[in-house]
Amino acid sequence: MDQRIIDLYDDFTHGGMSRRSFIDKLAALAGSTAAATALLPILQNNYAQAQTVPENDPRITAETVDIPGTPGLKGYLVKPKDAAGKLPTVIVIHENRGLNPHIKDVTRRMAAEGFIALGVDYLSPMGGTPTDEDKGREMIGQLKQPDVITYGKAAVAYLKGRPDSNGKVGAIGFCWGGGAVNNLAVNEPNLNAGVAYYGGQPKPEDVPKINAAMMMHYGGLDERINAGIPAYEAALKQAGKTYEIYVYEGANHAFNNDTNAARYDKEASDLAWRRTVEFLKKNLA
């Protein structure tokens, strides 16, 4: 697909324009309104494919839980079934659409790897993630940064205090959630490891506050997010932090999302996932 179309969709999904303006510009690139309409299913997520690890997978158990400390905050808790002993725990932070079927699937994947995984619905205090993605993005835009940090800290405390937890907590996030992981690491000293997929970077002056080991994954074509890499890496290096940064050449923003045909990159996604699991197991043992 024409990279200009993918970049246009990325701009739209991150609040750069209205849907009407997006459709008009897409039609201009595609050649007609009919051609633009035909492209939409390829650009949008298809959650019918969000079943890498099915909900009834015999390796896991899943439930919705209330997260103490914040009224209305809920999460999708998935655990390995019949696991012996205390386990490492991981918060899964969604994209800017909320806790959708894809991120629930990622949460189940984490549990299948041996972690207690909690997919936090950051929109639950506002009524929960809607099925309408445009509405979800609108609700994400209404969240205040202090509240996002508060919700993340509540999730860390909940997982750290569970009787089946080994006391170690990591976080993995995608897009908006990647930025949330970076900011949580700045503000939560009890976070042991953070993995940010194509997420916005924290202010360089805040980096010394990070205690967690950090791993970042970026798509090589993601110019908007990648512009912040040099300053972030320089600050991490100067502060003596433990970190790993990977840039996947030829991959777009959201390359991990296998429900999005236009941007999913299987090779980059599989490699990033292997690195992520190894990193979390090492730092949460």
Protein backbone atom coordinates (compact mmCIF):
# COMPACT_ATOMS: atom_id res chain seq x y z
CA MET A 1 0.00 0.00 0.00
CA ASP A 2 1.11 3.55 -0.73
CA GLN A 3 3.02 4.73 2.36
CA ARG A 4 1.27 8.10 2.08
CA ILE A 5 -2.05 6.37 2.76
CA ILE A 6 -0.67 4.59 5.83
CA ASP A 7 0.82 7.85 7.11
CA LEU A 8 -2.50 9.61 6.51
CA TYR A 9 -4.36 6.96 8.51
CA ASP A 10 -1.80 7.24 11.30
CA ASP A 11 -2.34 10.98 11.41
CA PHE A 12 -6.11 10.49 11.56
CA THR A 13 -5.99 7.85 14.31
CA HIS A 14 -3.81 10.07 16.47
CA GLY A 15 -6.09 13.07 16.37
CA GLY A 16 -4.56 14.92 13.46
CA MET A 17 -7.85 15.45 11.58
CA SER A 18 -11.57 14.79 11.51
CA ARG A 19 -13.03 11.68 9.87
CA ARG A 20 -14.54 13.80 7.09
CA SER A 21 -11.16 15.40 6.34
CA PHE A 22 -9.50 11.99 6.45
CA ILE A 23 -11.97 10.51 3.94
CA ASP A 24 -11.54 13.50 1.64
CA LYS A 25 -7.76 13.22 1.67
CA LEU A 26 -7.90 9.44 1.32
CA ALA A 27 -10.16 9.81 -1.72
CA ALA A 28 -7.66 12.23 -3.26
CA LEU A 29 -4.82 9.73 -2.77
CA ALA A 30 -6.86 6.71 -3.85
CA GLY A 31 -8.38 8.40 -6.90
CA SER A 32 -12.04 8.39 -5.87
CA THR A 33 -14.41 8.14 -2.93
CA ALA A 34 -15.29 4.59 -3.99
CA ALA A 35 -11.62 3.59 -3.94
CA ALA A 36 -11.20 5.21 -0.52
CA THR A 37 -14.20 3.27 0.80
CA ALA A 38 -12.68 0.04 -0.50
CA LEU A 39 -9.43 0.77 1.36
CA LEU A 40 -11.05 1.37 4.75
CA PRO A 41 -11.41 -2.32 5.73
CA ILE A 42 -7.70 -2.81 5.09
CA LEU A 43 -6.71 0.24 7.12
CA GLN A 44 -9.03 -0.48 10.05
CA ASN A 45 -8.62 -3.23 12.63
CA ASN A 46 -10.42 -6.52 12.03
CA TYR A 47 -11.04 -7.94 15.49
CA ALA A 48 -12.34 -11.20 14.09
CA GLN A 49 -8.64 -12.06 13.83
CA ALA A 50 -7.94 -11.29 17.50
CA GLN A 51 -7.78 -14.91 18.62
CA THR A 52 -4.12 -15.89 18.66
CA VAL A 53 -4.83 -17.33 22.12
CA PRO A 54 -8.57 -18.06 22.37
CA GLU A 55 -10.48 -17.20 25.53
CA ASN A 56 -11.11 -20.90 26.13
CA ASP A 57 -7.45 -21.87 25.69
CA PRO A 58 -6.82 -24.67 28.22
CA ARG A 59 -3.53 -23.07 29.33
CA ILE A 60 -5.18 -20.01 30.90
CA THR A 61 -8.02 -18.64 33.00
CA ALA A 62 -9.48 -15.17 32.46
CA GLU A 63 -11.78 -12.83 34.36
CA THR A 64 -12.65 -9.16 34.78
CA VAL A 65 -11.49 -7.70 38.09
CA ASP A 66 -11.85 -4.46 40.01
CA ILE A 67 -8.54 -2.72 40.67
CA PRO A 68 -8.52 -1.29 44.21
CA GLY A 69 -7.72 2.34 44.90
CA THR A 70 -9.52 3.96 41.97
CA PRO A 71 -13.35 3.92 41.71
CA GLY A 72 -14.51 2.13 38.58
CA LEU A 73 -11.07 0.98 37.42
CA LYS A 74 -11.23 -2.52 35.95
CA GLY A 75 -8.90 -4.93 34.27
CA TYR A 76 -8.86 -8.15 32.28
CA LEU A 77 -6.89 -10.58 34.45
CA VAL A 78 -5.46 -13.66 32.74
CA LYS A 79 -3.39 -16.29 34.55
CA PRO A 80 -1.64 -19.51 33.59
CA LYS A 81 -3.87 -22.39 34.59
CA ASP A 82 -2.67 -24.72 37.34
CA ALA A 83 0.66 -22.89 37.69
CA ALA A 84 2.75 -23.85 40.70
CA GLY A 85 4.36 -21.23 42.93
CA LYS A 86 4.33 -17.46 42.73
CA LEU A 87 4.49 -15.89 39.27
CA PRO A 88 5.83 -12.68 37.73
CA THR A 89 3.17 -10.16 36.76
CA VAL A 90 2.70 -7.84 33.78
CA ILE A 91 0.38 -4.90 33.11
CA VAL A 92 -0.77 -4.69 29.47
CA ILE A 93 -1.62 -1.15 28.35
CA HIS A 94 -3.81 -0.65 25.30
CA GLU A 95 -3.60 1.65 22.30
CA ASN A 96 -5.64 4.83 21.98
CA ARG A 97 -8.85 2.90 21.31
CA GLY A 98 -9.15 1.29 24.73
CA LEU A 99 -9.12 -2.33 25.87
CA ASN A 100 -10.22 -3.84 22.56
CA PRO A 101 -10.24 -7.54 21.51
CA HIS A 102 -6.69 -7.31 20.13
CA ILE A 103 -5.22 -6.08 23.42
CA LYS A 104 -7.21 -8.71 25.32
CA ASP A 105 -5.60 -11.26 23.02
CA VAL A 106 -2.15 -9.82 23.79
CA THR A 107 -2.99 -10.14 27.49
CA ARG A 108 -3.81 -13.81 26.97
CA ARG A 109 -0.54 -14.27 25.06
CA MET A 110 1.33 -12.89 28.07
CA ALA A 111 -0.40 -15.36 30.36
CA ALA A 112 0.40 -18.22 27.99
CA GLU A 113 4.07 -17.24 28.37
CA GLY A 114 3.85 -17.79 32.13
CA PHE A 115 2.93 -14.36 33.51
CA ILE A 116 -0.05 -13.14 35.48
CA ALA A 117 -1.25 -10.52 33.00
CA LEU A 118 -3.59 -7.60 33.64
CA GLY A 119 -5.04 -5.72 30.69
CA VAL A 120 -6.09 -2.45 32.33
CA ASP A 121 -9.07 -0.66 30.81
CA TYR A 122 -8.05 2.96 31.23
CA LEU A 123 -11.53 3.96 30.04
CA SER A 124 -13.37 1.91 32.67
CA PRO A 125 -13.82 4.84 35.10
CA MET A 126 -15.55 6.62 32.19
CA GLY A 127 -17.88 3.70 31.51
CA GLY A 128 -15.55 1.29 29.74
CA THR A 129 -14.08 0.84 26.28
CA PRO A 130 -16.77 1.33 23.60
CA THR A 131 -17.06 -0.78 20.46
CA ASP A 132 -16.91 2.40 18.35
CA GLU A 133 -13.20 3.11 17.82
CA ASP A 134 -13.74 6.79 17.02
CA LYS A 135 -15.56 7.14 20.35
CA GLY A 136 -12.73 5.28 22.08
CA ARG A 137 -10.15 7.70 20.68
CA GLU A 138 -12.33 10.61 21.76
CA MET A 139 -12.51 9.23 25.31
CA ILE A 140 -8.74 8.64 25.41
CA GLY A 141 -8.31 12.30 24.49
CA GLN A 142 -10.34 13.26 27.56
CA LEU A 143 -8.06 11.41 29.97
CA LYS A 144 -5.84 13.60 32.11
CA GLN A 145 -2.19 12.55 32.42
CA PRO A 146 -2.24 12.54 36.25
CA ASP A 147 -5.16 10.10 36.14
CA VAL A 148 -3.34 7.85 33.66
CA ILE A 149 -0.40 7.67 36.05
CA THR A 150 -2.71 7.05 39.02
CA TYR A 151 -4.40 4.15 37.22
CA GLY A 152 -1.05 2.61 36.34
CA LYS A 153 0.23 2.91 39.90
CA ALA A 154 -2.97 1.28 41.19
CA ALA A 155 -2.42 -1.63 38.79
CA VAL A 156 1.19 -2.03 39.97
CA ALA A 157 0.09 -2.10 43.62
CA TYR A 158 -2.67 -4.61 42.85
CA LEU A 159 -0.37 -7.03 41.05
CA LYS A 160 2.50 -6.61 43.50
CA GLY A 161 0.19 -7.42 46.42
CA ARG A 162 -1.53 -10.49 44.97
CA PRO A 163 -0.80 -13.68 46.94
CA ASP A 164 0.07 -15.53 43.72
CA SER A 165 2.54 -12.81 42.64
CA ASN A 166 6.29 -13.06 43.15
CA GLY A 167 6.27 -9.33 43.91
CA LYS A 168 7.80 -8.29 40.57
CA VAL A 169 5.74 -6.16 38.17
CA GLY A 170 6.40 -5.30 34.53
CA ALA A 171 4.40 -3.32 32.00
CA ILE A 172 4.02 -3.60 28.24
CA GLY A 173 2.18 -1.04 26.15
CA PHE A 174 1.42 -0.24 22.54
CA CYS A 175 1.13 3.17 20.84
CA TRP A 176 -0.68 5.32 23.45
CA GLY A 177 0.06 2.50 25.89
CA GLY A 178 3.75 2.60 25.00
CA GLY A 179 3.84 6.23 26.07
CA ALA A 180 1.92 5.28 29.22
CA VAL A 181 4.57 2.66 30.04
CA ASN A 182 7.35 5.24 29.68
CA ASN A 183 5.52 7.68 31.94
CA LEU A 184 4.66 4.98 34.46
CA ALA A 185 8.34 4.07 34.67
CA VAL A 186 9.13 7.70 35.49
CA ASN A 187 6.48 7.88 38.22
CA GLU A 188 6.41 4.39 39.76
CA PRO A 189 9.60 3.23 41.54
CA ASN A 190 8.10 -0.22 42.13
CA LEU A 191 7.92 -0.99 38.40
CA ASN A 192 10.62 -3.56 37.67
CA ALA A 193 10.51 -3.65 33.86
CA GLY A 194 8.83 -1.70 31.07
CA VAL A 195 8.38 -2.52 27.39
CA ALA A 196 7.16 0.31 25.16
CA TYR A 197 6.10 -0.44 21.60
CA TYR A 198 6.24 2.71 19.43
CA GLY A 199 5.31 4.92 22.37
CA GLY A 200 5.92 8.58 23.01
CA GLN A 201 9.01 9.24 25.10
CA PRO A 202 9.17 11.00 28.48
CA LYS A 203 10.92 14.31 28.98
CA PRO A 204 14.70 13.79 29.11
CA GLU A 205 14.89 15.54 32.47
CA ASP A 206 12.49 12.94 33.94
CA VAL A 207 14.51 9.91 32.83
CA PRO A 208 16.73 9.80 35.97
CA LYS A 209 13.59 8.93 37.97
CA ILE A 210 13.25 5.58 36.14
CA ASN A 211 14.10 2.50 38.22
CA ALA A 212 12.78 -0.13 35.83
CA ALA A 213 14.79 -1.90 33.15
CA MET A 214 13.41 -0.61 29.85
CA MET A 215 12.95 -2.05 26.36
CA MET A 216 11.66 -0.01 23.41
CA HIS A 217 10.46 -1.22 20.00
CA TYR A 218 10.01 1.17 17.06
CA GLY A 219 8.96 0.83 13.43
CA GLY A 220 11.56 2.25 11.06
CA LEU A 221 8.91 4.12 9.03
CA ASP A 222 7.32 5.73 12.08
CA GLU A 223 8.85 9.19 11.71
CA ARG A 224 6.39 10.86 14.11
CA ILE A 225 7.38 8.73 17.11
CA ASN A 226 10.97 8.05 16.11
CA ALA A 227 11.84 11.75 16.25
CA GLY A 228 11.97 11.38 20.04
CA ILE A 229 14.39 8.42 20.15
CA PRO A 230 17.76 10.27 20.16
CA ALA A 231 16.95 12.49 23.15
CA TYR A 232 15.44 9.58 25.10
CA GLU A 233 18.39 7.30 24.47
CA ALA A 234 20.88 10.01 25.35
CA ALA A 235 19.09 10.62 28.65
CA LEU A 236 18.94 6.89 29.45
CA LYS A 237 22.64 6.53 28.70
CA GLN A 238 23.63 9.59 30.70
CA ALA A 239 21.57 8.42 33.70
CA GLY A 240 23.13 4.95 33.56
CA LYS A 241 19.81 3.18 33.10
CA THR A 242 19.34 -0.41 31.90
CA TYR A 243 17.69 -0.27 28.50
CA GLU A 244 17.43 -1.83 25.06
CA ILE A 245 16.18 -0.05 21.92
CA TYR A 246 15.24 -1.79 18.68
CA VAL A 247 14.20 -0.18 15.41
CA TYR A 248 12.63 -2.53 12.83
CA GLU A 249 13.47 -1.23 9.38
CA GLY A 250 10.60 -1.16 6.92
CA ALA A 251 8.00 -1.55 9.70
CA ASN A 252 5.24 0.96 10.38
CA HIS A 253 3.76 2.32 13.57
CA ALA A 254 1.52 -0.42 15.08
CA PHE A 255 3.50 -3.18 13.37
CA ASN A 256 2.57 -5.57 16.19
CA ASN A 257 -1.18 -5.30 15.59
CA ASP A 258 -2.05 -8.44 13.65
CA THR A 259 -5.66 -7.32 13.24
CA ASN A 260 -4.51 -4.47 10.96
CA ALA A 261 -3.62 -5.72 7.49
CA ALA A 262 -2.06 -2.45 6.33
CA ARG A 263 0.48 -2.05 9.14
CA TYR A 264 1.10 -5.50 10.62
CA ASP A 265 4.61 -6.81 10.03
CA LYS A 266 4.85 -10.46 11.05
CA GLU A 267 8.64 -10.68 10.96
CA ALA A 268 9.11 -7.57 13.11
CA SER A 269 6.26 -8.54 15.41
CA ASP A 270 7.54 -12.05 16.04
CA LEU A 271 11.10 -10.86 16.71
CA ALA A 272 9.93 -8.07 19.03
CA TRP A 273 7.72 -10.51 20.94
CA ARG A 274 10.56 -13.00 21.47
CA ARG A 275 12.77 -10.21 22.72
CA THR A 276 10.00 -8.92 24.97
CA VAL A 277 9.26 -12.26 26.62
CA GLU A 278 12.94 -12.98 27.21
CA PHE A 279 13.45 -9.48 28.65
CA LEU A 280 10.48 -9.74 31.01
CA LYS A 281 11.39 -13.20 32.21
CA LYS A 282 14.92 -12.02 32.95
CA ASN A 283 13.90 -8.89 34.83
CA LEU A 284 10.85 -10.22 36.66
CA ALA A 285 12.34 -13.49 37.95
